[in-house]
Amino acid sequence: MPIALALGGGAALGWAHIGVLRGLEEAGVDVGGVAGTSIGALAAVSFAARRLDTLEHIARTAGWLRILSFLDLHMKPGALLGGRTIQRELQLHFGEMRFQDLWMPAATVAADLTTGEAVIADRGFVVPSIMASMAIPGLFRPVRTDGRVLVDGGVVAPVPVSAARTIAPGMPVVSVNLQGDYLGRKRVSVIREKPAGAHSTMAVVRASTMLLMSELARASLAIDPPDLALTLPVGHVDIHDFTKADSLIEIGRQSVIEALPAILDLAARRVKPRV
């Protein structure tokens, strides 16, 4: 039977989702639904819209000059970046496409700052929903719609298992967590046993933030466990470095290859819908 995917957030680490999706395609695994948070939302919609080739091309050709062109600095309150360039790029590739137009059920997840709830979008235009799911607080302006103030879904659902079950009831859910490799991240953040005061302020802040994100993802998966959890070994890659697509895509593909027996076994079983 088909499986459903829950693609987690992780900024630049999200290029690894492309490798996961490629690995599943190459193995002939039937995917019947896909939900994503933040960069996972972009990967999910690209896959469901059969635009994965386009996303992979963007990822593999992303250089620092191209990335800088997306920054769109502005002086308005609420965020450092306007997000207009990213929105134009999404509009270029998805246009007026709606979730109902996609080749399979798909959903994005954002967080509503007014209620504290996770907001699952699986109807309507895909571009504003992707923008809301990727609206990192402080960097991008919240997306305001229907009385909601929406920001990056990673705030409440870093790995959107519940959303995957919502759009694909009865299908086994495979989650892809980009935040679980804290040990790999710690090694490159230069946090080791040193005398007091030997670590830079930025190193401490970055390591602490990464630990917080890792624990949030772990807690989210413990509350709503998938049928199979993949934790990708991507902690050694800087979460802000969008130029590492080649290695991240390969890590995603290899992770699927290693987990393929378990994935195929899962696809052979029918999972009862949770109530």
Protein backbone atom coordinates (compact mmCIF):
# COMPACT_ATOMS: atom_id res chain seq x y z
CA MET A 1 0.00 0.00 0.00
CA PRO A 2 1.15 3.60 -0.38
CA ILE A 3 3.01 5.36 2.41
CA ALA A 4 2.64 8.96 3.59
CA LEU A 5 5.59 11.22 4.30
CA ALA A 6 6.12 13.83 7.01
CA LEU A 7 8.99 16.08 5.95
CA GLY A 8 10.48 18.12 8.79
CA GLY A 9 11.89 21.62 8.86
CA GLY A 10 15.56 22.49 8.89
CA ALA A 11 16.35 25.44 6.60
CA ALA A 12 19.28 24.53 4.30
CA LEU A 13 19.26 20.94 5.57
CA GLY A 14 16.00 20.55 3.68
CA TRP A 15 17.89 19.80 0.47
CA ALA A 16 18.27 16.31 1.97
CA HIS A 17 14.52 15.82 1.43
CA ILE A 18 15.21 15.80 -2.31
CA GLY A 19 17.49 12.80 -1.83
CA VAL A 20 14.87 11.02 0.29
CA LEU A 21 12.23 11.54 -2.39
CA ARG A 22 14.63 10.46 -5.14
CA GLY A 23 15.55 7.35 -3.18
CA LEU A 24 11.90 6.39 -2.77
CA GLU A 25 11.24 6.97 -6.46
CA GLU A 26 14.23 4.85 -7.47
CA ALA A 27 13.10 2.03 -5.17
CA GLY A 28 9.59 2.12 -6.62
CA VAL A 29 7.97 2.97 -3.28
CA ASP A 30 4.43 4.26 -3.75
CA VAL A 31 3.94 7.58 -1.95
CA GLY A 32 0.28 8.44 -1.48
CA GLY A 33 0.53 11.68 0.47
CA VAL A 34 3.12 14.14 1.73
CA ALA A 35 3.09 16.84 4.40
CA GLY A 36 5.86 19.30 5.14
CA THR A 37 6.96 21.92 7.61
CA SER A 38 9.08 24.92 6.59
CA ILE A 39 11.62 23.79 3.95
CA GLY A 40 9.82 20.45 4.14
CA ALA A 41 6.68 22.23 2.92
CA LEU A 42 8.53 23.37 -0.19
CA ALA A 43 9.81 19.85 -0.83
CA ALA A 44 6.37 18.33 -0.20
CA VAL A 45 4.54 20.60 -2.63
CA SER A 46 7.30 20.30 -5.25
CA PHE A 47 7.01 16.51 -5.09
CA ALA A 48 3.21 16.51 -5.19
CA ALA A 49 3.24 18.99 -8.09
CA ARG A 50 5.83 16.94 -10.01
CA ARG A 51 8.25 19.85 -9.77
CA LEU A 52 11.01 17.97 -7.95
CA ASP A 53 13.36 18.32 -10.95
CA THR A 54 13.00 22.09 -10.72
CA LEU A 55 13.67 22.13 -6.97
CA GLU A 56 16.71 19.90 -7.40
CA HIS A 57 18.11 22.17 -10.10
CA ILE A 58 17.66 25.20 -7.84
CA ALA A 59 19.30 23.38 -4.95
CA ARG A 60 22.31 22.10 -6.88
CA THR A 61 23.01 25.47 -8.52
CA ALA A 62 22.57 27.58 -5.39
CA GLY A 63 25.68 29.71 -4.88
CA TRP A 64 26.23 32.49 -2.37
CA LEU A 65 25.47 35.24 -4.89
CA ARG A 66 22.16 33.58 -5.73
CA ILE A 67 21.34 33.15 -2.05
CA LEU A 68 22.16 36.79 -1.30
CA SER A 69 19.72 37.82 -4.02
CA PHE A 70 16.92 36.26 -1.97
CA LEU A 71 17.65 38.19 1.23
CA ASP A 72 15.45 41.19 0.35
CA LEU A 73 16.45 43.34 3.34
CA HIS A 74 13.85 45.88 4.40
CA MET A 75 13.32 48.38 7.22
CA LYS A 76 9.74 47.56 8.14
CA PRO A 77 8.82 46.24 11.61
CA GLY A 78 8.23 42.54 12.16
CA ALA A 79 11.15 41.01 10.27
CA LEU A 80 14.58 41.59 8.78
CA LEU A 81 13.68 40.20 5.35
CA GLY A 82 10.74 41.01 3.12
CA GLY A 83 10.48 37.64 1.40
CA ARG A 84 9.28 39.24 -1.85
CA THR A 85 12.01 37.64 -3.99
CA ILE A 86 11.21 34.18 -2.61
CA GLN A 87 7.51 34.74 -3.21
CA ARG A 88 8.18 35.78 -6.81
CA GLU A 89 10.27 32.63 -7.33
CA LEU A 90 7.51 30.44 -5.90
CA GLN A 91 4.95 32.22 -8.06
CA LEU A 92 7.12 31.57 -11.11
CA HIS A 93 7.12 27.82 -10.52
CA PHE A 94 3.69 27.23 -8.97
CA GLY A 95 1.65 30.16 -10.29
CA GLU A 96 -2.01 29.89 -9.25
CA MET A 97 -1.70 26.19 -8.46
CA ARG A 98 -3.94 24.94 -5.65
CA PHE A 99 -3.59 21.92 -3.41
CA GLN A 100 -6.57 20.45 -5.24
CA ASP A 101 -4.52 20.55 -8.48
CA LEU A 102 -1.64 18.45 -7.13
CA TRP A 103 -0.97 14.86 -8.17
CA MET A 104 -1.41 13.53 -4.63
CA PRO A 105 -2.72 14.77 -1.29
CA ALA A 106 -0.30 17.28 0.21
CA ALA A 107 -0.25 19.71 3.11
CA THR A 108 1.89 22.40 4.67
CA VAL A 109 2.02 23.31 8.35
CA ALA A 110 2.33 26.78 9.87
CA ALA A 111 1.98 28.09 13.43
CA ASP A 112 -0.72 30.58 14.40
CA LEU A 113 0.75 33.10 16.84
CA THR A 114 -2.71 34.23 17.96
CA THR A 115 -3.86 30.79 19.13
CA GLY A 116 -0.65 28.79 19.41
CA GLU A 117 -2.10 26.12 17.14
CA ALA A 118 -0.64 24.24 14.21
CA VAL A 119 -2.46 25.21 11.02
CA ILE A 120 -2.62 22.52 8.34
CA ALA A 121 -3.19 23.82 4.80
CA ASP A 122 -4.40 21.29 2.23
CA ARG A 123 -6.81 23.47 0.26
CA GLY A 124 -6.43 26.72 -1.65
CA PHE A 125 -3.38 28.27 -3.31
CA VAL A 126 -0.07 26.61 -2.49
CA VAL A 127 2.24 29.67 -2.66
CA PRO A 128 0.87 31.58 0.37
CA SER A 129 0.76 28.34 2.35
CA ILE A 130 4.42 27.60 1.58
CA MET A 131 5.34 31.19 2.48
CA ALA A 132 3.53 30.88 5.82
CA SER A 133 5.16 27.55 6.62
CA MET A 134 8.64 29.01 5.91
CA ALA A 135 8.13 32.35 7.68
CA ILE A 136 10.97 32.03 10.20
CA PRO A 137 10.11 34.38 13.09
CA GLY A 138 12.23 37.51 13.05
CA LEU A 139 13.59 36.83 9.57
CA PHE A 140 10.42 36.81 7.47
CA ARG A 141 7.19 38.65 8.06
CA PRO A 142 4.26 36.57 9.33
CA VAL A 143 1.59 35.74 6.78
CA ARG A 144 -1.76 37.21 7.81
CA THR A 145 -4.84 35.41 6.53
CA ASP A 146 -8.38 34.83 7.84
CA GLY A 147 -7.55 36.57 11.11
CA ARG A 148 -4.50 34.38 11.69
CA VAL A 149 -0.89 35.43 12.11
CA LEU A 150 1.11 32.56 10.64
CA VAL A 151 4.81 31.80 11.05
CA ASP A 152 7.16 28.87 10.44
CA GLY A 153 5.46 25.58 11.29
CA GLY A 154 8.60 24.33 13.02
CA VAL A 155 7.54 26.36 16.06
CA VAL A 156 4.78 23.84 16.82
CA ALA A 157 5.24 20.89 14.44
CA PRO A 158 8.89 20.43 13.42
CA VAL A 159 8.04 17.03 11.91
CA PRO A 160 4.40 17.08 10.71
CA VAL A 161 3.25 13.53 11.42
CA SER A 162 -0.27 14.59 12.36
CA ALA A 163 -0.67 16.51 9.11
CA ALA A 164 0.47 13.48 7.11
CA ARG A 165 -2.15 11.32 8.83
CA THR A 166 -4.81 13.94 8.21
CA ILE A 167 -4.33 13.95 4.44
CA ALA A 168 -3.55 10.21 4.09
CA PRO A 169 -5.74 8.32 6.56
CA GLY A 170 -4.92 4.64 6.85
CA MET A 171 -1.50 5.00 5.22
CA PRO A 172 1.64 4.24 7.25
CA VAL A 173 3.61 7.41 7.95
CA VAL A 174 7.36 7.73 7.47
CA SER A 175 8.82 10.82 9.11
CA VAL A 176 12.02 12.57 8.03
CA ASN A 177 13.67 14.49 10.87
CA LEU A 178 16.45 16.94 9.97
CA GLN A 179 16.96 18.14 13.54
CA GLY A 180 17.83 14.92 15.34
CA ASP A 181 21.60 14.78 14.75
CA TYR A 182 22.65 17.02 17.63
CA LEU A 183 25.91 15.15 18.23
CA GLY A 184 26.98 15.85 14.67
CA ARG A 185 26.03 19.49 15.10
CA LYS A 186 27.87 19.75 18.42
CA ARG A 187 31.11 18.52 16.86
CA VAL A 188 31.12 21.31 14.28
CA SER A 189 29.91 24.02 16.68
CA VAL A 190 33.19 23.74 18.61
CA ILE A 191 31.41 22.95 21.88
CA ARG A 192 33.76 20.72 23.84
CA GLU A 193 34.97 20.52 27.40
CA LYS A 194 37.03 23.67 27.86
CA PRO A 195 37.80 26.03 30.72
CA ALA A 196 34.99 28.45 31.61
CA GLY A 197 34.77 31.31 29.18
CA ALA A 198 36.68 29.49 26.44
CA HIS A 199 33.67 29.28 24.11
CA SER A 200 32.57 32.26 22.08
CA THR A 201 29.17 33.76 22.75
CA MET A 202 28.00 32.88 19.24
CA ALA A 203 29.14 29.25 19.60
CA VAL A 204 27.14 28.89 22.81
CA VAL A 205 24.04 30.52 21.33
CA ARG A 206 24.18 28.42 18.17
CA ALA A 207 24.72 25.14 20.02
CA SER A 208 21.94 25.96 22.47
CA THR A 209 19.53 26.82 19.65
CA MET A 210 20.34 23.60 17.84
CA LEU A 211 19.83 21.59 21.03
CA LEU A 212 16.46 23.28 21.54
CA MET A 213 15.39 22.44 17.98
CA SER A 214 16.59 18.85 18.36
CA GLU A 215 14.68 18.36 21.60
CA LEU A 216 11.54 19.98 20.17
CA ALA A 217 11.61 17.56 17.25
CA ARG A 218 12.20 14.61 19.60
CA ALA A 219 9.31 15.64 21.85
CA SER A 220 7.01 16.16 18.87
CA LEU A 221 7.75 12.66 17.54
CA ALA A 222 7.26 11.15 21.01
CA ILE A 223 3.81 12.74 21.29
CA ASP A 224 2.74 11.72 17.79
CA PRO A 225 5.04 8.88 16.70
CA PRO A 226 5.22 7.89 13.03
CA ASP A 227 5.15 4.29 11.88
CA LEU A 228 8.78 4.66 10.83
CA ALA A 229 11.14 7.47 11.79
CA LEU A 230 14.15 8.49 9.71
CA THR A 231 16.67 10.76 11.42
CA LEU A 232 19.13 12.01 8.84
CA PRO A 233 22.84 12.43 9.79
CA VAL A 234 23.07 16.04 8.65
CA GLY A 235 24.19 17.73 11.86
CA HIS A 236 27.64 18.47 10.44
CA VAL A 237 26.14 20.84 7.85
CA ASP A 238 25.45 24.45 8.81
CA ILE A 239 21.70 24.97 8.88
CA HIS A 240 22.15 28.28 7.02
CA ASP A 241 24.45 26.96 4.26
CA PHE A 242 22.32 26.41 1.17
CA THR A 243 25.37 25.56 -0.97
CA LYS A 244 25.73 21.96 0.25
CA ALA A 245 22.93 20.44 -1.84
CA ASP A 246 25.07 17.76 -3.50
CA SER A 247 26.15 16.15 -0.24
CA LEU A 248 22.77 16.61 1.47
CA ILE A 249 20.86 15.03 -1.42
CA GLU A 250 23.21 12.06 -1.31
CA ILE A 251 22.73 11.70 2.45
CA GLY A 252 18.96 11.65 1.92
CA ARG A 253 19.22 9.03 -0.79
CA GLN A 254 21.55 6.82 1.26
CA SER A 255 19.27 7.08 4.27
CA VAL A 256 16.43 5.63 2.20
CA ILE A 257 18.65 2.85 0.87
CA GLU A 258 19.62 1.87 4.43
CA ALA A 259 16.02 1.96 5.64
CA LEU A 260 14.50 0.38 2.53
CA PRO A 261 13.79 -3.07 4.04
CA ALA A 262 11.83 -1.43 6.86
CA ILE A 263 10.04 0.90 4.43
CA LEU A 264 9.00 -1.97 2.16
CA ASP A 265 7.84 -4.01 5.14
CA LEU A 266 5.77 -1.06 6.32
CA ALA A 267 4.24 -0.59 2.88
CA ALA A 268 3.17 -4.24 2.92
CA ARG A 269 1.09 -3.75 6.05
CA ARG A 270 -2.18 -1.86 6.50
CA VAL A 271 -2.14 0.63 9.33
CA LYS A 272 -5.37 1.31 11.19
CA PRO A 273 -6.35 4.98 11.25
CA ARG A 274 -5.78 6.60 14.64
CA VAL A 275 -8.73 8.13 16.46
